[in-house]
Protein backbone atom coordinates (compact mmCIF):
# COMPACT_ATOMS: atom_id res chain seq x y z
CA UNK A 1 -0.15 0.43 0.10
CA UNK A 2 1.25 3.19 -1.19
CA UNK A 3 1.00 6.18 0.63
CA UNK A 4 1.18 10.31 -0.88
CA UNK A 5 2.67 12.96 0.42
CA UNK A 6 0.54 14.91 2.93
CA UNK A 7 -1.53 12.17 3.79
CA UNK A 8 -1.76 11.05 7.43
CA UNK A 9 0.67 8.06 7.61
CA UNK A 10 3.13 9.81 5.77
CA UNK A 11 3.03 12.51 8.16
CA UNK A 12 3.44 10.24 11.14
CA UNK A 13 6.43 8.46 9.11
CA UNK A 14 7.96 11.85 8.93
CA UNK A 15 7.11 12.13 12.47
CA UNK A 16 8.59 9.15 13.94
CA UNK A 17 12.09 9.93 11.77
CA UNK A 18 11.77 12.82 14.09
CA UNK A 19 11.38 11.77 17.14
CA UNK A 20 13.59 8.74 16.14
CA UNK A 21 16.75 11.19 15.43
CA UNK A 22 15.84 13.95 18.16
CA UNK A 23 16.05 10.49 20.64
CA UNK A 24 19.54 9.53 19.53
CA UNK A 25 20.70 13.11 19.19
CA UNK A 26 19.66 13.29 23.37
CA UNK A 27 20.80 10.11 24.66
CA UNK A 28 24.55 10.47 22.70
CA UNK A 29 24.68 13.59 24.88
CA UNK A 30 23.30 12.45 27.82
CA UNK A 31 25.66 9.75 28.08
CA UNK A 32 28.58 11.81 27.51
CA UNK A 33 27.72 15.03 29.34
CA UNK A 34 24.85 14.04 31.56
CA UNK A 35 22.67 16.33 30.01
CA UNK A 36 19.08 14.83 31.10
CA UNK A 37 20.18 15.74 34.74
CA UNK A 38 20.80 19.35 33.96
CA UNK A 39 18.09 19.74 31.54
CA UNK A 40 15.93 18.32 34.39
CA UNK A 41 16.49 20.51 36.96
CA UNK A 42 17.17 23.46 34.84
CA UNK A 43 13.79 23.19 33.09
CA UNK A 44 12.10 22.77 36.48
CA UNK A 45 13.61 25.91 37.37
CA UNK A 46 10.24 28.41 38.53
CA UNK A 47 10.38 32.22 37.52
CA UNK A 48 7.76 34.36 39.56
CA UNK A 49 6.05 36.49 36.96
CA UNK A 50 6.15 40.66 36.98
CA UNK A 51 6.49 43.13 34.30
CA UNK A 52 9.73 44.85 36.51
CA UNK A 53 11.87 41.43 36.17
CA UNK A 54 11.62 42.37 31.99
CA UNK A 55 13.88 45.04 32.88
CA UNK A 56 16.68 42.95 33.40
CA UNK A 57 15.73 40.71 30.07
CA UNK A 58 15.95 44.11 28.02
CA UNK A 59 19.64 44.60 28.83
CA UNK A 60 20.11 41.20 27.45
CA UNK A 61 18.51 41.44 24.61
CA UNK A 62 19.69 44.57 23.50
CA UNK A 63 23.54 43.20 23.85
CA UNK A 64 22.46 40.29 22.34
CA UNK A 65 21.33 42.41 19.61
CA UNK A 66 24.67 44.71 19.94
CA UNK A 67 26.55 41.37 19.27
CA UNK A 68 24.29 40.76 16.26
CA UNK A 69 24.84 44.50 14.70
CA UNK A 70 28.85 45.56 15.73
CA UNK A 71 29.79 41.95 14.15
CA UNK A 72 27.72 43.17 10.81
CA UNK A 73 29.95 46.43 10.79
CA UNK A 74 33.03 45.06 11.62
CA UNK A 75 32.84 43.20 8.46
CA UNK A 76 33.10 46.40 6.65
CA UNK A 77 34.70 49.17 9.43
CA UNK A 78 38.44 49.67 8.80
CA UNK A 79 40.05 50.75 12.44
CA UNK A 80 42.95 53.12 10.47
CA UNK A 81 43.77 56.60 11.16
CA UNK A 82 45.81 56.38 7.95
CA UNK A 83 44.82 59.84 5.21
CA UNK A 84 42.59 59.20 2.69
CA UNK A 85 40.74 60.99 -0.32
CA UNK A 86 37.03 60.32 -0.04
CA UNK A 87 35.14 58.88 -3.20
CA UNK A 88 32.08 57.24 -1.81
CA UNK A 89 28.68 58.52 -2.88
CA UNK A 90 28.30 60.97 -0.39
CA UNK A 91 28.96 64.31 -2.79
CA UNK A 92 29.23 67.04 -0.11
CA UNK A 93 32.53 65.37 1.15
CA UNK A 94 33.78 64.22 -2.05
CA UNK A 95 37.68 64.55 -2.37
CA UNK A 96 37.80 65.47 1.17
CA UNK A 97 40.73 63.95 3.44
CA UNK A 98 39.75 62.39 5.85
CA UNK A 99 40.74 59.17 8.00
CA UNK A 100 40.10 55.30 6.39
CA UNK A 101 38.51 55.12 9.87
CA UNK A 102 35.77 57.88 8.70
CA UNK A 103 35.78 56.97 5.16
CA UNK A 104 34.78 53.74 5.68
CA UNK A 105 31.74 54.45 8.25
CA UNK A 106 30.44 57.03 5.23
CA UNK A 107 30.99 54.08 3.30
CA UNK A 108 28.62 51.84 5.54
CA UNK A 109 25.80 54.68 5.87
CA UNK A 110 25.83 55.15 2.02
CA UNK A 111 27.44 52.22 -0.13
CA UNK A 112 26.49 49.67 1.83
CA UNK A 113 23.19 47.84 1.61
CA UNK A 114 21.56 48.06 5.17
CA UNK A 115 24.54 49.33 6.68
CA UNK A 116 22.92 52.93 7.50
CA UNK A 117 20.15 50.78 9.01
CA UNK A 118 22.66 48.32 11.11
CA UNK A 119 24.35 51.49 12.39
CA UNK A 120 20.94 52.97 13.47
CA UNK A 121 20.41 49.77 15.30
CA UNK A 122 23.69 49.54 17.01
CA UNK A 123 23.37 52.90 18.26
CA UNK A 124 20.17 53.05 19.17
CA UNK A 125 20.31 49.19 21.14
CA UNK A 126 24.14 50.93 22.78
CA UNK A 127 21.78 53.52 24.31
CA UNK A 128 18.73 51.13 25.48
CA UNK A 129 21.32 48.59 26.72
CA UNK A 130 22.75 51.39 29.27
CA UNK A 131 19.42 52.38 30.26
CA UNK A 132 17.79 49.28 30.79
CA UNK A 133 20.80 48.13 33.36
CA UNK A 134 20.58 51.55 35.41
CA UNK A 135 16.40 51.55 35.46
CA UNK A 136 17.27 47.61 36.91
CA UNK A 137 19.55 48.45 38.66
CA UNK A 138 17.26 51.20 40.42
CA UNK A 139 14.50 48.33 40.51
CA UNK A 140 17.00 45.92 42.85
CA UNK A 141 18.00 49.24 44.82
CA UNK A 142 14.54 49.96 46.02
CA UNK A 143 12.94 46.76 46.40
CA UNK A 144 16.26 45.54 48.44
CA UNK A 145 16.72 42.75 46.40
CA UNK A 146 20.67 43.36 46.96
CA UNK A 147 20.37 41.70 50.38
CA UNK A 148 22.33 38.16 51.28
CA UNK A 149 22.58 36.44 49.27
CA UNK A 150 22.88 38.69 46.67
CA UNK A 151 25.33 41.03 47.34
CA UNK A 152 28.03 40.26 45.46
CA UNK A 153 25.30 40.09 42.17
CA UNK A 154 25.07 43.54 43.26
CA UNK A 155 28.70 44.15 42.65
CA UNK A 156 28.46 42.64 39.35
CA UNK A 157 25.82 45.00 38.53
CA UNK A 158 27.64 48.08 39.29
CA UNK A 159 30.79 47.02 37.22
CA UNK A 160 28.66 45.85 34.07
CA UNK A 161 27.25 49.12 33.75
CA UNK A 162 30.25 50.80 34.49
CA UNK A 163 31.73 48.50 31.47
CA UNK A 164 28.51 49.33 29.85
CA UNK A 165 29.56 53.27 29.82
CA UNK A 166 32.81 52.54 28.75
CA UNK A 167 31.79 50.35 25.92
CA UNK A 168 29.68 53.18 24.49
CA UNK A 169 32.66 55.70 24.49
CA UNK A 170 34.69 53.27 22.90
CA UNK A 171 32.27 52.60 20.37
CA UNK A 172 31.43 56.64 19.86
CA UNK A 173 34.71 57.12 19.12
CA UNK A 174 35.08 54.87 16.44
CA UNK A 175 33.86 57.01 13.45
CA UNK A 176 36.66 59.41 14.06
CA UNK A 177 34.26 62.50 12.96
CA UNK A 178 34.21 65.90 14.45
CA UNK A 179 31.62 65.19 16.94
CA UNK A 180 33.72 61.63 18.33
CA UNK A 181 37.06 63.57 18.13
CA UNK A 182 35.76 66.10 20.58
CA UNK A 183 34.55 63.90 23.15
CA UNK A 184 38.65 62.40 22.94
CA UNK A 185 39.84 65.61 23.07
CA UNK A 186 38.07 66.21 26.44
CA UNK A 187 39.43 62.86 27.72
CA UNK A 188 43.05 63.77 26.82
CA UNK A 189 42.27 67.10 29.51
CA UNK A 190 40.45 64.77 31.80
CA UNK A 191 43.56 62.34 31.87
CA UNK A 192 46.15 64.75 32.04
CA UNK A 193 44.51 66.65 35.17
CA UNK A 194 45.84 63.18 36.62
CA UNK A 195 48.54 64.51 39.18
CA UNK A 196 51.96 63.21 38.22
CA UNK A 197 51.90 60.45 35.83
CA UNK A 198 48.58 61.75 33.72
CA UNK A 199 50.91 63.39 30.92
CA UNK A 200 52.44 59.98 30.91
CA UNK A 201 49.24 57.97 30.44
CA UNK A 202 48.44 60.07 27.40
CA UNK A 203 51.22 59.56 25.55
CA UNK A 204 50.79 55.37 26.36
CA UNK A 205 47.56 55.89 25.14
CA UNK A 206 47.73 58.32 22.24
CA UNK A 207 51.01 57.27 20.62
CA UNK A 208 52.50 60.47 21.39
CA UNK A 209 51.01 64.07 21.30
CA UNK A 210 47.36 64.14 20.31
CA UNK A 211 45.36 62.95 18.33
CA UNK A 212 48.44 60.49 17.38
CA UNK A 213 47.97 57.98 14.57
CA UNK A 214 47.09 54.91 17.02
CA UNK A 215 44.34 55.83 19.45
CA UNK A 216 41.28 54.60 16.58
CA UNK A 217 42.97 50.85 16.90
CA UNK A 218 42.99 50.58 20.08
CA UNK A 219 39.91 51.74 20.81
CA UNK A 220 38.61 49.51 18.53
CA UNK A 221 40.92 46.29 20.43
CA UNK A 222 38.85 47.47 23.28
CA UNK A 223 35.27 47.82 21.48
CA UNK A 224 35.12 44.81 19.76
CA UNK A 225 37.08 42.02 21.88
CA UNK A 226 38.48 43.19 25.31
CA UNK A 227 35.03 44.90 26.49
CA UNK A 228 32.27 42.91 25.04
CA UNK A 229 34.32 39.65 26.01
CA UNK A 230 34.39 40.58 29.79
CA UNK A 231 30.53 41.73 29.70
CA UNK A 232 29.90 38.81 28.28
CA UNK A 233 31.44 36.67 31.47
CA UNK A 234 29.90 39.09 33.66
CA UNK A 235 26.42 38.51 32.63
CA UNK A 236 27.07 34.89 32.49
CA UNK A 237 28.27 34.58 36.49
CA UNK A 238 25.36 37.03 36.81
CA UNK A 239 22.77 34.69 35.47
CA UNK A 240 24.21 31.91 36.88
CA UNK A 241 24.37 33.03 40.36
CA UNK A 242 20.63 34.31 39.48
CA UNK A 243 19.73 30.27 38.87
CA UNK A 244 21.87 29.26 42.55
CA UNK A 245 20.01 31.65 44.06
CA UNK A 246 16.85 31.37 42.82
CA UNK A 247 14.59 34.42 41.84
CA UNK A 248 13.35 36.83 44.46
CA UNK A 249 9.85 37.52 44.27
CA UNK A 250 7.26 40.32 45.56
CA UNK A 251 5.33 39.21 48.67
CA UNK A 252 1.96 37.92 48.36
CA UNK A 253 0.28 34.99 49.98
CA UNK A 254 1.92 31.62 50.37
CA UNK A 255 5.19 33.55 48.88
CA UNK A 256 7.75 33.07 51.37
CA UNK A 257 11.72 33.29 51.61
CA UNK A 258 11.97 29.44 51.44
CA UNK A 259 9.72 29.12 48.03
CA UNK A 260 9.38 30.64 44.16
CA UNK A 261 5.63 30.88 43.23
CA UNK A 262 6.05 31.41 39.28
CA UNK A 263 6.63 29.50 35.85
CA UNK A 264 8.82 26.96 34.82
CA UNK A 265 11.59 27.50 32.60
CA UNK A 266 10.42 24.99 30.15
CA UNK A 267 8.16 25.57 28.45
CA UNK A 268 6.21 28.24 29.82
CA UNK A 269 8.91 30.92 30.70
CA UNK A 270 11.67 30.32 27.81
CA UNK A 271 8.56 30.84 25.72
CA UNK A 272 7.85 34.49 26.82
CA UNK A 273 10.90 35.47 27.10
CA UNK A 274 11.44 34.06 23.18
CA UNK A 275 8.61 36.54 22.49
CA UNK A 276 9.54 38.97 24.20
CA UNK A 277 13.56 38.90 22.58
CA UNK A 278 11.60 39.49 19.15
CA UNK A 279 9.57 42.51 20.50
CA UNK A 280 12.66 44.55 21.75
CA UNK A 281 14.30 43.57 18.25
CA UNK A 282 11.16 44.82 16.40
CA UNK A 283 11.09 48.02 18.74
CA UNK A 284 15.25 49.04 18.46
CA UNK A 285 14.80 48.12 14.63
CA UNK A 286 11.84 50.32 13.87
CA UNK A 287 13.35 53.06 15.98
CA UNK A 288 16.50 52.80 14.14
CA UNK A 289 14.09 53.07 10.81
CA UNK A 290 12.50 56.02 11.60
CA UNK A 291 14.43 58.14 14.19
CA UNK A 292 17.86 59.03 13.04
CA UNK A 293 20.57 58.80 15.40
CA UNK A 294 24.27 60.10 15.13
CA UNK A 295 24.60 61.84 11.55
CA UNK A 296 28.25 61.63 11.05
CA UNK A 297 28.47 63.20 7.79
CA UNK A 298 26.86 66.40 9.05
CA UNK A 299 29.80 67.24 11.56
CA UNK A 300 32.92 65.95 8.68
CA UNK A 301 35.88 64.76 9.65
CA UNK A 302 37.74 65.50 12.82
CA UNK A 303 40.01 68.05 12.54
CA UNK A 304 41.88 69.11 15.96
CA UNK A 305 41.69 72.94 15.01
CA UNK A 306 37.61 73.82 14.68
CA UNK A 307 35.63 73.05 17.93
CA UNK A 308 31.80 73.06 17.29
CA UNK A 309 29.12 74.05 19.65
CA UNK A 310 26.76 72.26 21.01
CA UNK A 311 27.96 69.57 21.09
CA UNK A 312 26.75 67.11 23.25
CA UNK A 313 27.73 63.53 24.36
CA UNK A 314 25.84 59.98 24.61
CA UNK A 315 23.30 61.05 27.46
CA UNK A 316 24.76 57.86 29.92
CA UNK A 317 27.95 59.98 29.95
CA UNK A 318 26.36 63.47 29.97
CA UNK A 319 26.44 62.99 33.97
CA UNK A 320 30.39 63.55 33.65
CA UNK A 321 30.43 66.29 31.54
CA UNK A 322 27.38 68.26 33.54
CA UNK A 323 30.50 67.91 36.54
CA UNK A 324 33.15 69.40 34.36
CA UNK A 325 30.65 72.16 33.95
CA UNK A 326 29.60 72.28 37.48
CA UNK A 327 32.81 72.79 38.96
CA UNK A 328 34.41 76.28 39.41
CA UNK A 329 37.76 77.01 37.76
CA UNK A 330 39.93 78.24 40.10
CA UNK A 331 40.62 75.00 42.01
CA UNK A 332 44.30 75.00 39.84
CA UNK A 333 47.47 75.44 41.50
CA UNK A 334 50.95 75.57 40.38
CA UNK A 335 53.60 73.58 42.58
CA UNK A 336 56.96 73.82 41.40
CA UNK A 337 56.01 74.27 38.33
CA UNK A 338 54.06 71.73 37.92
CA UNK A 339 50.16 72.52 37.33
CA UNK A 340 47.45 70.80 39.66
CA UNK A 341 44.37 71.04 37.93
CA UNK A 342 41.55 69.99 40.51
CA UNK A 343 38.77 71.76 38.42
CA UNK A 344 39.22 68.95 35.96
CA UNK A 345 40.21 65.99 38.16
CA UNK A 346 37.77 66.08 40.69
CA UNK A 347 35.23 66.56 38.84
CA UNK A 348 35.77 64.01 36.40
CA UNK A 349 37.92 61.15 38.00
CA UNK A 350 37.13 61.58 42.06
CA UNK A 351 33.30 61.57 42.12
CA UNK A 352 32.20 59.53 39.60
CA UNK A 353 34.80 57.27 41.12
CA UNK A 354 33.20 57.93 44.64
CA UNK A 355 29.94 57.59 43.42
CA UNK A 356 30.86 54.08 41.86
CA UNK A 357 32.39 52.74 45.31
CA UNK A 358 28.85 54.13 47.40
CA UNK A 359 27.04 52.02 45.11
CA UNK A 360 29.54 48.90 45.80
CA UNK A 361 29.15 49.49 49.29
CA UNK A 362 25.87 50.61 50.25
CA UNK A 363 24.54 46.72 50.66
CA UNK A 364 27.34 45.95 52.80
CA UNK A 365 26.61 49.57 54.43
CA UNK A 366 23.06 48.28 54.88
CA UNK A 367 23.67 44.92 56.39
CA UNK A 368 26.05 46.21 58.66
CA UNK A 369 23.86 48.85 60.08
CA UNK A 370 20.93 46.42 60.59
CA UNK A 371 23.01 43.69 61.78
CA UNK A 372 20.58 41.27 59.46
CA UNK A 373 22.30 38.38 58.49
CA UNK A 374 19.52 36.21 57.08
CA UNK A 375 18.93 35.49 53.29
CA UNK A 376 16.50 37.67 51.77
CA UNK A 377 13.95 36.43 48.85
CA UNK A 378 10.80 38.41 49.43
CA UNK A 379 11.04 42.16 48.18
CA UNK A 380 10.57 44.99 49.94
CA UNK A 381 8.19 47.44 48.98
CA UNK A 382 9.70 50.96 48.56
CA UNK A 383 7.61 52.28 51.15
CA UNK A 384 8.56 50.29 53.84
CA UNK A 385 12.26 51.15 53.55
CA UNK A 386 11.85 54.82 53.59
CA UNK A 387 15.33 56.70 54.12
CA UNK A 388 16.75 53.49 51.47
CA UNK A 389 13.83 55.10 48.94
CA UNK A 390 15.04 58.61 49.88
CA UNK A 391 18.57 57.83 49.27
CA UNK A 392 17.70 56.68 45.60
CA UNK A 393 15.11 59.42 45.11
CA UNK A 394 18.25 61.94 46.04
CA UNK A 395 20.68 60.06 43.76
CA UNK A 396 18.67 60.05 40.88
CA UNK A 397 17.92 63.99 41.33
CA UNK A 398 21.29 64.43 41.71
CA UNK A 399 22.00 62.71 38.58
CA UNK A 400 19.41 64.78 36.42
CA UNK A 401 21.07 68.19 37.50
CA UNK A 402 24.35 66.82 36.52
CA UNK A 403 22.93 65.53 33.42
CA UNK A 404 21.08 68.52 32.74
CA UNK A 405 24.25 71.01 33.27
CA UNK A 406 25.97 69.20 30.85
CA UNK A 407 23.55 71.34 28.20
CA UNK A 408 23.90 74.30 30.05
CA UNK A 409 24.54 76.18 26.71
CA UNK A 410 21.93 74.89 24.34
CA UNK A 411 19.44 75.59 27.69
CA UNK A 412 20.98 79.39 27.55
CA UNK A 413 19.88 79.88 23.94
CA UNK A 414 16.79 78.32 24.16
CA UNK A 415 15.32 80.39 26.72
CA UNK A 416 17.52 83.35 26.43
CA UNK A 417 19.63 82.75 30.02
CA UNK A 418 22.93 84.05 30.77
CA UNK A 419 24.85 81.05 30.84
CA UNK A 420 26.87 82.08 34.33
CA UNK A 421 23.61 82.88 35.82
CA UNK A 422 21.82 79.31 34.52
CA UNK A 423 25.04 77.46 36.01
CA UNK A 424 25.08 79.13 39.59
CA UNK A 425 21.65 78.33 39.39
CA UNK A 426 22.34 74.47 38.69
CA UNK A 427 24.93 74.70 40.98
CA UNK A 428 22.78 75.97 43.43
CA UNK A 429 19.87 73.35 42.93
CA UNK A 430 23.00 70.34 42.64
CA UNK A 431 23.65 71.01 46.76
CA UNK A 432 20.45 71.89 47.95
CA UNK A 433 17.74 69.63 45.57
CA UNK A 434 19.15 66.88 46.77
CA UNK A 435 18.50 66.93 50.16
CA UNK A 436 15.00 68.04 49.89
CA UNK A 437 14.19 65.48 47.49
CA UNK A 438 15.48 62.97 50.54
CA UNK A 439 13.15 64.54 53.10
CA UNK A 440 10.06 64.52 50.88
CA UNK A 441 10.42 61.09 49.66
CA UNK A 442 11.07 60.16 52.96
CA UNK A 443 7.59 61.59 54.43
CA UNK A 444 6.15 60.45 51.49
CA UNK A 445 6.85 57.02 52.36
CA UNK A 446 6.03 57.54 56.53
CA UNK A 447 2.50 58.75 55.08
CA UNK A 448 2.09 55.75 52.98
CA UNK A 449 2.60 53.45 55.59
CA UNK A 450 0.74 55.45 57.99
CA UNK A 451 -2.24 55.09 55.13
CA UNK A 452 -1.19 51.05 54.95
CA UNK A 453 -1.82 50.45 58.63
CA UNK A 454 -5.34 52.12 58.54
CA UNK A 455 -6.53 50.45 55.75
CA UNK A 456 -4.81 46.90 57.36
CA UNK A 457 -6.78 47.61 60.26
CA UNK A 458 -9.92 49.24 59.36
CA UNK A 459 -10.47 47.71 55.30
CA UNK A 460 -11.55 50.13 52.35
CA UNK A 461 -13.94 53.29 52.82
CA UNK A 462 -17.32 53.16 51.34
CA UNK A 463 -18.67 56.63 52.40
CA UNK A 464 -21.49 55.15 53.55
CA UNK A 465 -22.31 56.82 58.00
CA UNK A 466 -24.45 54.85 59.81
CA UNK A 467 -26.70 56.00 63.14
CA UNK A 468 -26.77 53.15 65.77
CA UNK A 469 -29.98 53.32 68.12
CA UNK A 470 -28.05 55.30 71.02
CA UNK A 471 -27.30 58.49 68.48
CA UNK A 472 -23.45 56.90 67.12
CA UNK A 473 -22.41 57.79 63.80
CA UNK A 474 -19.59 55.38 62.34
CA UNK A 475 -18.26 54.71 58.41
CA UNK A 476 -18.60 51.44 57.15
CA UNK A 477 -15.37 50.13 55.95
CA UNK A 478 -15.30 47.67 53.65
CA UNK A 479 -13.10 44.65 54.37
CA UNK A 480 -10.12 43.75 52.49
CA UNK A 481 -9.18 40.59 51.34
CA UNK A 482 -6.33 38.05 52.33
CA UNK A 483 -4.32 39.02 50.09
CA UNK A 484 -4.53 42.49 49.88
CA UNK A 485 -4.04 42.57 53.73
CA UNK A 486 -0.78 39.87 53.19
CA UNK A 487 0.71 42.66 51.61
CA UNK A 488 0.17 45.04 54.42
CA UNK A 489 1.15 43.65 57.11
CA UNK A 490 4.27 41.41 56.25
CA UNK A 491 7.00 43.27 56.03
CA UNK A 492 9.33 43.51 59.44
CA UNK A 493 10.36 46.75 60.53
CA UNK A 494 13.99 47.51 62.09
CA UNK A 495 14.50 49.13 65.12
CA UNK A 496 17.09 51.82 65.87
CA UNK A 497 20.15 50.64 68.25
CA UNK A 498 20.45 52.61 71.46
CA UNK A 499 23.34 55.21 70.91
CA UNK A 500 25.97 53.63 74.07
CA UNK A 501 27.40 56.22 76.95
CA UNK A 502 30.75 57.99 76.05
CA UNK A 503 31.93 56.12 79.46
CA UNK A 504 30.65 52.98 80.18
CA UNK A 505 30.15 52.02 84.28
CA UNK A 506 33.06 50.06 83.92
CA UNK A 507 35.01 53.28 82.62
CA UNK A 508 35.27 51.85 79.87
CA UNK A 509 34.61 53.88 76.25
CA UNK A 510 32.43 52.77 73.17
CA UNK A 511 34.79 51.84 69.84
CA UNK A 512 34.28 54.44 67.43
CA UNK A 513 32.96 51.72 64.31
CA UNK A 514 29.94 51.02 68.15
CA UNK A 515 29.05 54.80 67.92
CA UNK A 516 28.95 55.04 63.82
CA UNK A 517 26.85 51.98 63.68
CA UNK A 518 24.25 53.48 66.30
CA UNK A 519 24.32 56.83 65.11
CA UNK A 520 23.26 55.26 61.41
CA UNK A 521 20.70 52.91 62.59
CA UNK A 522 19.09 55.62 64.62
CA UNK A 523 19.42 57.51 60.96
CA UNK A 524 17.95 54.93 59.38
CA UNK A 525 15.46 53.83 61.50
CA UNK A 526 14.41 56.42 64.24
CA UNK A 527 11.17 57.53 62.34
CA UNK A 528 9.50 54.57 61.41
CA UNK A 529 5.76 53.37 61.35
CA UNK A 530 5.50 50.06 63.10
CA UNK A 531 3.69 47.17 61.37
CA UNK A 532 0.07 45.57 62.37
CA UNK A 533 0.66 43.09 64.78
CA UNK A 534 -1.70 39.99 65.10
CA UNK A 535 -3.08 41.45 68.16
CA UNK A 536 -4.12 44.55 66.59
CA UNK A 537 -5.22 43.30 63.64
CA UNK A 538 -7.80 40.78 65.40
CA UNK A 539 -8.79 43.44 67.92
CA UNK A 540 -9.70 45.49 64.76
CA UNK A 541 -11.66 42.64 62.87
CA UNK A 542 -13.44 42.23 66.33
CA UNK A 543 -14.23 45.86 66.31
CA UNK A 544 -15.30 45.53 62.88
CA UNK A 545 -17.89 42.86 63.17
CA UNK A 546 -19.70 44.28 66.00
CA UNK A 547 -20.65 47.36 63.51
CA UNK A 548 -21.58 44.80 61.07
CA UNK A 549 -24.19 43.50 63.49
CA UNK A 550 -25.16 47.26 64.41
CA UNK A 551 -25.47 48.01 60.65
CA UNK A 552 -27.74 44.96 59.98
CA UNK A 553 -31.37 45.92 60.37
CA UNK A 554 -33.91 43.28 62.45
CA UNK A 555 -37.34 43.14 62.59
CA UNK A 556 -39.50 46.01 60.98
CA UNK A 557 -36.71 47.67 59.11
CA UNK A 558 -35.90 44.38 57.58
CA UNK A 559 -38.88 43.44 56.66
CA UNK A 560 -39.50 47.51 55.29
CA UNK A 561 -36.11 47.25 53.21
CA UNK A 562 -37.53 43.99 51.70
CA UNK A 563 -40.75 45.25 50.68
CA UNK A 564 -39.29 48.12 49.04
CA UNK A 565 -36.00 46.76 47.81
CA UNK A 566 -38.27 46.04 45.05
CA UNK A 567 -37.58 42.21 42.38
């Protein structure tokens, strides 16, 4: 009996062959590397479902798109500073002398099919990559996901953010156009400001006086090989630690520090993650198709003599440029014939270094202040950690002011202001607004805690007022569901440590770190709202039942309501 293509018998035979081939391949790998045990354990890994967890996925998928688009660009880009005469399709620059790096970038934009799209995809995915890392870190910080056992993962995240900035800047400099060349000139000035060794470092980086002939090839090696390899290794380690520690989750009924409520990796989470990757890819390609970015043919090739007005770095480096503009110029000294440029060294290297070290140290600082050595897999609601939330908002406000200062010249032109007055206003805001933001955020968090406490004890307000037989009035409250109540009452509140006396009864003095820890503990937890206790909750529910009993109509009133209620 013969079968025809497309018949049920042919389909069954084809399926059987596919199944046999798949089974054979699975047996092959299982017998040699124990793949079945690995897949079985990993496939059952449970991941919670919440939109904020996708922020890290956006960063991961953006990096994958960066690797793909960057591989395409390396096929035609030539990292050389050798001068050539442009003979490509862009007529306004025809015959202009430029570096080979800039010429091949122009060729990618105008002469290679799909080259301009790939350039823009690469640039937009880089911006989204850094933005996703920053927002993901904010989510981790505000929810306390950096606590034990994830301190190391937080440190890896900070290092990944710093490397992403470095990777972005090295790629920004590769086209060797006027805009990127001005950025390199700023970096040269920053490195020259390093006391004692700055000049030697500049000569090493640029192979002599700026701009030299080797900086583009060296940046290319960093951008294409060194930094992506390190970033890829950190991402792999970061994801391995996520699997090892199990994923954090938001509080809710049935969710504890000992379990994870969500979906298994296979097939649910893998399918959702695969679909989300193509959504991110589609969004970036759409953005690259309709929004032009880094039109370097407008700037022309780099020439050290002109400096164009209005040049701005990519947003993630803007805060350093803003700090340089906010710093007054007079902290510059000549000592023994050597110039010490603190007006450049402090804002461009010291302050960013302090910011990075503070980010790395914060999880360990909070753990030391609280003395909490337990593992935490349930996330905090930001309102329940008011000081931490205030610190985070204060950092965001500081960053926004630094970022705005990087465009003080453009804002002065747009609003018809004096650039000096605007700079002084930004300096004032830099020192005043962050503390104000901290205090306001902390007070808002405490107010939200008080609201949650009232809500947990009495339920939702209904606006319905009832009068009792003896003339008492009360508002009827709708009780919360068990899920709502759990979220409001599950958190713990730390108590501040008592400040030790200056001199103990035995005549000994407390150590400096003991007083420091107690002072920080009071700073963190002196202002707090105690969570609802089981006894308070039981009393509130008992009181609510009494009001419900009073509210229920009896006798003639019940009959009247039944007759007038209608069908």
